[in-house]
Amino acid sequence: FGNFAAAAKALDRISQVRQSERKNAAQVLRDYVDTKMLEQVALAESAAESSDLWRAYRLYEDAKLRFVGYELPASVERECVRLKKEESVQDQIVAMKLWERAQKAIQSGRATPAGMATMLTRIIESHPNTEAAGLAQDALAP
């Protein structure tokens, strides 16, 4: 259990039926999902309060994906917009896009070892204090 978005439509349908047993079961599941959603939002809020803006941003963005079909607190979208304007988060986003591009090049077989080393080194040098730089350093390590 954990693919909350896939269950959203089914829970909505079940909550519309007349059988109280099914409605009750759907409500129990919805309450569980709400608990998980609020736990993730609380983690994001805590990360933001402790100035871990990148982690907060990732948790909020993940909540938007994991809980599609459910009513997220309004603060989630508001905080995503606010955090995305932060310079440190913007740097992380750019670096992560470069990392994802490098991964795709590796998976497709298009990149030579020298070309990959160049791409990964560029991430490390251009965005040194990012998660992607750490991933690139790990990938380059022998």
N, C-alpha and C. Protein backbone atom coordinates (compact mmCIF):
# COMPACT_ATOMS: atom_id res chain seq x y z
N PHE A 1 0.86 -1.17 0.00
CA PHE A 1 0.00 0.00 0.00
C PHE A 1 0.90 1.23 0.00
N GLY A 2 0.56 2.20 -0.72
CA GLY A 2 1.37 3.40 -0.81
C GLY A 2 1.16 4.14 -2.10
N ASN A 3 0.49 3.48 -3.06
CA ASN A 3 0.17 4.16 -4.31
C ASN A 3 -1.18 4.86 -4.11
N PHE A 4 -1.11 5.96 -3.38
CA PHE A 4 -2.33 6.65 -2.97
C PHE A 4 -3.10 7.24 -4.14
N ALA A 5 -2.38 7.77 -5.11
CA ALA A 5 -3.04 8.40 -6.26
C ALA A 5 -3.91 7.39 -7.01
N ALA A 6 -3.42 6.16 -7.16
CA ALA A 6 -4.18 5.14 -7.89
C ALA A 6 -5.48 4.78 -7.17
N ALA A 7 -5.48 4.90 -5.86
CA ALA A 7 -6.66 4.53 -5.08
C ALA A 7 -7.69 5.65 -4.98
N ALA A 8 -7.34 6.86 -5.33
CA ALA A 8 -8.22 8.01 -5.13
C ALA A 8 -9.57 7.85 -5.82
N LYS A 9 -9.57 7.49 -7.09
CA LYS A 9 -10.84 7.37 -7.82
C LYS A 9 -11.69 6.24 -7.26
N ALA A 10 -11.05 5.13 -6.93
CA ALA A 10 -11.79 3.99 -6.37
C ALA A 10 -12.43 4.38 -5.04
N LEU A 11 -11.70 5.09 -4.21
CA LEU A 11 -12.28 5.52 -2.93
C LEU A 11 -13.44 6.47 -3.13
N ASP A 12 -13.32 7.36 -4.10
CA ASP A 12 -14.43 8.26 -4.39
C ASP A 12 -15.67 7.49 -4.85
N ARG A 13 -15.47 6.51 -5.73
CA ARG A 13 -16.60 5.70 -6.20
C ARG A 13 -17.24 4.92 -5.06
N ILE A 14 -16.41 4.31 -4.24
CA ILE A 14 -16.93 3.50 -3.13
C ILE A 14 -17.68 4.37 -2.14
N SER A 15 -17.22 5.57 -1.92
CA SER A 15 -17.89 6.44 -0.95
C SER A 15 -19.26 6.90 -1.45
N GLN A 16 -19.57 6.69 -2.73
CA GLN A 16 -20.87 7.08 -3.30
C GLN A 16 -21.90 5.95 -3.23
N VAL A 17 -21.46 4.72 -2.91
CA VAL A 17 -22.40 3.59 -2.88
C VAL A 17 -23.29 3.66 -1.65
N ARG A 18 -24.36 2.89 -1.70
CA ARG A 18 -25.33 2.92 -0.60
C ARG A 18 -24.95 2.00 0.57
N GLN A 19 -24.17 0.98 0.28
CA GLN A 19 -23.81 0.03 1.35
C GLN A 19 -22.89 0.70 2.37
N SER A 20 -23.36 0.74 3.60
CA SER A 20 -22.60 1.42 4.64
C SER A 20 -21.28 0.72 4.95
N GLU A 21 -21.23 -0.60 4.79
CA GLU A 21 -19.98 -1.31 5.04
C GLU A 21 -18.88 -0.84 4.10
N ARG A 22 -19.22 -0.71 2.85
CA ARG A 22 -18.25 -0.24 1.86
C ARG A 22 -17.86 1.22 2.11
N LYS A 23 -18.87 2.03 2.43
CA LYS A 23 -18.60 3.44 2.72
C LYS A 23 -17.65 3.55 3.92
N ASN A 24 -17.92 2.76 4.94
CA ASN A 24 -17.07 2.80 6.14
C ASN A 24 -15.65 2.37 5.82
N ALA A 25 -15.53 1.32 5.02
CA ALA A 25 -14.19 0.85 4.63
C ALA A 25 -13.46 1.93 3.84
N ALA A 26 -14.16 2.57 2.93
CA ALA A 26 -13.55 3.65 2.15
C ALA A 26 -13.12 4.79 3.05
N GLN A 27 -13.91 5.10 4.05
CA GLN A 27 -13.57 6.19 4.97
C GLN A 27 -12.34 5.84 5.80
N VAL A 28 -12.23 4.58 6.21
CA VAL A 28 -11.05 4.16 6.96
C VAL A 28 -9.80 4.34 6.10
N LEU A 29 -9.89 3.92 4.85
CA LEU A 29 -8.75 4.08 3.94
C LEU A 29 -8.44 5.55 3.69
N ARG A 30 -9.48 6.35 3.50
CA ARG A 30 -9.26 7.79 3.27
C ARG A 30 -8.61 8.43 4.50
N ASP A 31 -9.04 8.03 5.69
CA ASP A 31 -8.43 8.56 6.91
C ASP A 31 -6.95 8.18 6.99
N TYR A 32 -6.64 6.96 6.57
CA TYR A 32 -5.24 6.51 6.55
C TYR A 32 -4.43 7.38 5.58
N VAL A 33 -4.97 7.60 4.39
CA VAL A 33 -4.28 8.42 3.39
C VAL A 33 -4.10 9.85 3.93
N ASP A 34 -5.14 10.39 4.55
CA ASP A 34 -5.04 11.74 5.11
C ASP A 34 -3.93 11.82 6.16
N THR A 35 -3.81 10.78 6.97
CA THR A 35 -2.76 10.74 7.99
C THR A 35 -1.39 10.76 7.34
N LYS A 36 -1.21 9.92 6.33
CA LYS A 36 0.07 9.86 5.62
C LYS A 36 0.38 11.20 4.94
N MET A 37 -0.63 11.80 4.35
CA MET A 37 -0.45 13.09 3.68
C MET A 37 0.00 14.15 4.68
N LEU A 38 -0.69 14.22 5.80
CA LEU A 38 -0.36 15.23 6.80
C LEU A 38 1.02 14.98 7.42
N GLU A 39 1.40 13.70 7.54
CA GLU A 39 2.75 13.39 8.03
C GLU A 39 3.80 13.93 7.07
N GLN A 40 3.58 13.75 5.78
CA GLN A 40 4.55 14.23 4.80
C GLN A 40 4.60 15.75 4.78
N VAL A 41 3.45 16.39 4.88
CA VAL A 41 3.41 17.86 4.92
C VAL A 41 4.13 18.36 6.17
N ALA A 42 3.95 17.67 7.29
CA ALA A 42 4.63 18.07 8.52
C ALA A 42 6.14 17.93 8.38
N LEU A 43 6.60 16.87 7.72
CA LEU A 43 8.04 16.71 7.46
C LEU A 43 8.57 17.86 6.61
N ALA A 44 7.80 18.24 5.60
CA ALA A 44 8.20 19.34 4.73
C ALA A 44 8.26 20.65 5.51
N GLU A 45 7.26 20.88 6.34
CA GLU A 45 7.24 22.10 7.16
C GLU A 45 8.44 22.14 8.10
N SER A 46 8.75 21.00 8.69
CA SER A 46 9.88 20.91 9.61
C SER A 46 11.19 21.18 8.87
N ALA A 47 11.33 20.63 7.67
CA ALA A 47 12.53 20.88 6.88
C ALA A 47 12.66 22.35 6.53
N ALA A 48 11.56 22.98 6.17
CA ALA A 48 11.58 24.41 5.83
C ALA A 48 11.96 25.24 7.06
N GLU A 49 11.41 24.88 8.22
CA GLU A 49 11.72 25.61 9.45
C GLU A 49 13.18 25.49 9.84
N SER A 50 13.79 24.35 9.50
CA SER A 50 15.20 24.15 9.84
C SER A 50 16.12 24.58 8.70
N SER A 51 15.57 25.33 7.76
CA SER A 51 16.32 25.90 6.62
C SER A 51 16.84 24.86 5.64
N ASP A 52 16.28 23.67 5.64
CA ASP A 52 16.63 22.66 4.64
C ASP A 52 15.61 22.82 3.51
N LEU A 53 15.80 23.89 2.75
CA LEU A 53 14.80 24.29 1.75
C LEU A 53 14.66 23.28 0.63
N TRP A 54 15.76 22.69 0.19
CA TRP A 54 15.70 21.70 -0.89
C TRP A 54 14.89 20.48 -0.45
N ARG A 55 15.15 20.00 0.74
CA ARG A 55 14.40 18.84 1.24
C ARG A 55 12.92 19.20 1.36
N ALA A 56 12.63 20.37 1.88
CA ALA A 56 11.24 20.81 2.01
C ALA A 56 10.57 20.85 0.64
N TYR A 57 11.25 21.43 -0.33
CA TYR A 57 10.70 21.53 -1.69
C TYR A 57 10.42 20.14 -2.25
N ARG A 58 11.38 19.23 -2.11
CA ARG A 58 11.18 17.87 -2.63
C ARG A 58 10.01 17.17 -1.95
N LEU A 59 9.88 17.34 -0.64
CA LEU A 59 8.77 16.71 0.08
C LEU A 59 7.42 17.27 -0.36
N TYR A 60 7.35 18.59 -0.54
CA TYR A 60 6.10 19.19 -1.02
C TYR A 60 5.77 18.71 -2.43
N GLU A 61 6.77 18.72 -3.32
CA GLU A 61 6.53 18.26 -4.69
C GLU A 61 6.13 16.80 -4.73
N ASP A 62 6.77 15.99 -3.89
CA ASP A 62 6.42 14.57 -3.83
C ASP A 62 4.99 14.39 -3.33
N ALA A 63 4.58 15.20 -2.37
CA ALA A 63 3.21 15.12 -1.86
C ALA A 63 2.21 15.42 -2.97
N LYS A 64 2.53 16.39 -3.81
CA LYS A 64 1.63 16.72 -4.91
C LYS A 64 1.46 15.54 -5.87
N LEU A 65 2.51 14.76 -6.05
CA LEU A 65 2.44 13.59 -6.93
C LEU A 65 1.81 12.39 -6.25
N ARG A 66 2.22 12.11 -5.02
CA ARG A 66 1.73 10.93 -4.30
C ARG A 66 0.24 11.02 -3.97
N PHE A 67 -0.24 12.23 -3.76
CA PHE A 67 -1.61 12.39 -3.29
C PHE A 67 -2.51 13.07 -4.32
N VAL A 68 -2.24 12.81 -5.59
CA VAL A 68 -3.12 13.29 -6.66
C VAL A 68 -4.50 12.68 -6.43
N GLY A 69 -5.52 13.51 -6.52
CA GLY A 69 -6.87 13.01 -6.32
C GLY A 69 -7.40 13.25 -4.92
N TYR A 70 -6.54 13.72 -4.05
CA TYR A 70 -6.93 14.04 -2.67
C TYR A 70 -6.78 15.54 -2.46
N GLU A 71 -7.43 16.04 -1.46
CA GLU A 71 -7.35 17.47 -1.19
C GLU A 71 -6.16 17.77 -0.28
N LEU A 72 -5.13 18.31 -0.89
CA LEU A 72 -3.94 18.70 -0.14
C LEU A 72 -4.19 20.02 0.58
N PRO A 73 -3.51 20.23 1.69
CA PRO A 73 -3.61 21.55 2.33
C PRO A 73 -3.15 22.64 1.36
N ALA A 74 -3.77 23.79 1.42
CA ALA A 74 -3.42 24.90 0.53
C ALA A 74 -1.97 25.32 0.69
N SER A 75 -1.41 25.08 1.86
CA SER A 75 -0.02 25.48 2.11
C SER A 75 0.96 24.75 1.21
N VAL A 76 0.60 23.57 0.71
CA VAL A 76 1.52 22.79 -0.12
C VAL A 76 1.87 23.55 -1.39
N GLU A 77 0.87 23.97 -2.14
CA GLU A 77 1.13 24.69 -3.38
C GLU A 77 1.79 26.04 -3.09
N ARG A 78 1.33 26.71 -2.07
CA ARG A 78 1.89 28.02 -1.70
C ARG A 78 3.38 27.89 -1.36
N GLU A 79 3.73 26.86 -0.60
CA GLU A 79 5.12 26.66 -0.22
C GLU A 79 5.98 26.23 -1.41
N CYS A 80 5.42 25.43 -2.31
CA CYS A 80 6.17 25.04 -3.52
C CYS A 80 6.55 26.26 -4.32
N VAL A 81 5.60 27.15 -4.49
CA VAL A 81 5.85 28.38 -5.25
C VAL A 81 6.89 29.23 -4.54
N ARG A 82 6.75 29.38 -3.24
CA ARG A 82 7.70 30.20 -2.47
C ARG A 82 9.10 29.61 -2.52
N LEU A 83 9.20 28.31 -2.29
CA LEU A 83 10.52 27.67 -2.25
C LEU A 83 11.20 27.66 -3.61
N LYS A 84 10.39 27.53 -4.65
CA LYS A 84 10.97 27.50 -6.01
C LYS A 84 11.63 28.83 -6.36
N LYS A 85 11.27 29.90 -5.68
CA LYS A 85 11.88 31.21 -5.92
C LYS A 85 13.21 31.37 -5.19
N GLU A 86 13.48 30.48 -4.25
CA GLU A 86 14.73 30.55 -3.49
C GLU A 86 15.91 30.17 -4.38
N GLU A 87 16.96 30.96 -4.32
CA GLU A 87 18.12 30.73 -5.18
C GLU A 87 18.73 29.33 -4.96
N SER A 88 18.81 28.90 -3.71
CA SER A 88 19.41 27.59 -3.44
C SER A 88 18.58 26.46 -4.03
N VAL A 89 17.27 26.61 -4.00
CA VAL A 89 16.38 25.58 -4.57
C VAL A 89 16.49 25.62 -6.09
N GLN A 90 16.55 26.81 -6.67
CA GLN A 90 16.71 26.91 -8.13
C GLN A 90 17.99 26.22 -8.58
N ASP A 91 19.07 26.41 -7.83
CA ASP A 91 20.34 25.77 -8.16
C ASP A 91 20.21 24.25 -8.09
N GLN A 92 19.53 23.76 -7.07
CA GLN A 92 19.31 22.32 -6.91
C GLN A 92 18.49 21.77 -8.09
N ILE A 93 17.47 22.50 -8.49
CA ILE A 93 16.61 22.05 -9.60
C ILE A 93 17.41 21.95 -10.89
N VAL A 94 18.20 22.98 -11.18
CA VAL A 94 19.01 22.97 -12.40
C VAL A 94 20.00 21.81 -12.35
N ALA A 95 20.67 21.63 -11.22
CA ALA A 95 21.65 20.55 -11.09
C ALA A 95 20.98 19.19 -11.24
N MET A 96 19.81 19.02 -10.66
CA MET A 96 19.11 17.74 -10.75
C MET A 96 18.67 17.45 -12.19
N LYS A 97 18.31 18.48 -12.92
CA LYS A 97 17.96 18.28 -14.34
C LYS A 97 19.18 17.82 -15.13
N LEU A 98 20.33 18.40 -14.83
CA LEU A 98 21.57 17.96 -15.49
C LEU A 98 21.90 16.51 -15.12
N TRP A 99 21.70 16.17 -13.86
CA TRP A 99 21.94 14.80 -13.41
C TRP A 99 21.01 13.82 -14.13
N GLU A 100 19.74 14.19 -14.24
CA GLU A 100 18.78 13.32 -14.93
C GLU A 100 19.15 13.17 -16.40
N ARG A 101 19.62 14.24 -17.01
CA ARG A 101 20.06 14.16 -18.40
C ARG A 101 21.25 13.21 -18.53
N ALA A 102 22.17 13.28 -17.59
CA ALA A 102 23.33 12.38 -17.61
C ALA A 102 22.89 10.93 -17.44
N GLN A 103 21.95 10.69 -16.55
CA GLN A 103 21.43 9.33 -16.35
C GLN A 103 20.79 8.79 -17.63
N LYS A 104 20.02 9.63 -18.30
CA LYS A 104 19.37 9.20 -19.55
C LYS A 104 20.42 8.87 -20.61
N ALA A 105 21.48 9.67 -20.66
CA ALA A 105 22.54 9.41 -21.63
C ALA A 105 23.22 8.07 -21.34
N ILE A 106 23.42 7.78 -20.07
CA ILE A 106 24.03 6.51 -19.68
C ILE A 106 23.11 5.35 -20.06
N GLN A 107 21.84 5.47 -19.71
CA GLN A 107 20.88 4.39 -19.97
C GLN A 107 20.66 4.14 -21.45
N SER A 108 20.74 5.18 -22.24
CA SER A 108 20.51 5.02 -23.67
C SER A 108 21.74 4.47 -24.39
N GLY A 109 22.89 4.51 -23.73
CA GLY A 109 24.11 4.05 -24.35
C GLY A 109 24.75 5.06 -25.28
N ARG A 110 24.23 6.28 -25.29
CA ARG A 110 24.75 7.33 -26.18
C ARG A 110 26.07 7.92 -25.70
N ALA A 111 26.31 7.84 -24.41
CA ALA A 111 27.47 8.55 -23.86
C ALA A 111 28.70 7.65 -23.80
N THR A 112 29.82 8.21 -24.17
CA THR A 112 31.09 7.52 -24.00
C THR A 112 31.54 7.73 -22.56
N PRO A 113 32.43 6.90 -22.06
CA PRO A 113 32.93 7.12 -20.69
C PRO A 113 33.54 8.51 -20.51
N ALA A 114 34.28 8.99 -21.50
CA ALA A 114 34.88 10.32 -21.40
C ALA A 114 33.80 11.40 -21.40
N GLY A 115 32.79 11.22 -22.23
CA GLY A 115 31.69 12.18 -22.28
C GLY A 115 30.92 12.22 -20.97
N MET A 116 30.72 11.05 -20.38
CA MET A 116 30.02 11.00 -19.09
C MET A 116 30.84 11.67 -18.01
N ALA A 117 32.13 11.42 -18.01
CA ALA A 117 33.00 12.05 -17.01
C ALA A 117 32.94 13.57 -17.14
N THR A 118 32.89 14.05 -18.37
CA THR A 118 32.79 15.50 -18.60
C THR A 118 31.47 16.04 -18.08
N MET A 119 30.38 15.35 -18.38
CA MET A 119 29.05 15.79 -17.91
C MET A 119 29.00 15.82 -16.39
N LEU A 120 29.49 14.78 -15.76
CA LEU A 120 29.43 14.69 -14.30
C LEU A 120 30.35 15.73 -13.65
N THR A 121 31.51 15.93 -14.23
CA THR A 121 32.43 16.95 -13.71
C THR A 121 31.81 18.33 -13.82
N ARG A 122 31.12 18.59 -14.91
CA ARG A 122 30.45 19.88 -15.10
C ARG A 122 29.41 20.12 -14.00
N ILE A 123 28.66 19.08 -13.64
CA ILE A 123 27.67 19.21 -12.56
C ILE A 123 28.38 19.57 -11.26
N ILE A 124 29.46 18.86 -10.96
CA ILE A 124 30.20 19.08 -9.71
C ILE A 124 30.77 20.49 -9.66
N GLU A 125 31.31 20.95 -10.77
CA GLU A 125 31.95 22.28 -10.78
C GLU A 125 30.93 23.41 -10.84
N SER A 126 29.84 23.23 -11.59
CA SER A 126 28.85 24.30 -11.75
C SER A 126 27.89 24.41 -10.57
N HIS A 127 27.66 23.27 -9.91
CA HIS A 127 26.67 23.24 -8.81
C HIS A 127 27.24 22.44 -7.65
N PRO A 128 28.34 22.94 -7.04
CA PRO A 128 29.10 22.14 -6.07
C PRO A 128 28.36 21.74 -4.80
N ASN A 129 27.46 22.52 -4.33
CA ASN A 129 26.80 22.23 -3.05
C ASN A 129 25.39 21.68 -3.23
N THR A 130 25.22 20.85 -4.25
CA THR A 130 23.89 20.31 -4.53
C THR A 130 23.88 18.80 -4.36
N GLU A 131 22.69 18.28 -4.24
CA GLU A 131 22.52 16.83 -4.16
C GLU A 131 23.05 16.17 -5.43
N ALA A 132 22.80 16.77 -6.57
CA ALA A 132 23.26 16.22 -7.84
C ALA A 132 24.78 16.16 -7.90
N ALA A 133 25.46 17.14 -7.34
CA ALA A 133 26.92 17.11 -7.31
C ALA A 133 27.41 15.92 -6.49
N GLY A 134 26.75 15.65 -5.39
CA GLY A 134 27.11 14.48 -4.58
C GLY A 134 26.89 13.19 -5.34
N LEU A 135 25.79 13.12 -6.06
CA LEU A 135 25.51 11.93 -6.88
C LEU A 135 26.55 11.77 -7.99
N ALA A 136 26.91 12.89 -8.59
CA ALA A 136 27.91 12.85 -9.67
C ALA A 136 29.27 12.42 -9.11
N GLN A 137 29.64 12.94 -7.93
CA GLN A 137 30.90 12.53 -7.32
C GLN A 137 30.91 11.03 -7.02
N ASP A 138 29.79 10.52 -6.52
CA ASP A 138 29.68 9.09 -6.24
C ASP A 138 29.81 8.28 -7.53
N ALA A 139 29.22 8.77 -8.60
CA ALA A 139 29.28 8.06 -9.89
C ALA A 139 30.70 8.04 -10.45
N LEU A 140 31.46 9.08 -10.18
CA LEU A 140 32.84 9.15 -10.68
C LEU A 140 33.83 8.38 -9.82
N ALA A 141 33.44 8.09 -8.58
CA ALA A 141 34.35 7.40 -7.67
C ALA A 141 34.64 5.99 -8.20
N PRO A 142 35.89 5.55 -8.01
CA PRO A 142 36.26 4.21 -8.51
C PRO A 142 35.56 3.08 -7.79
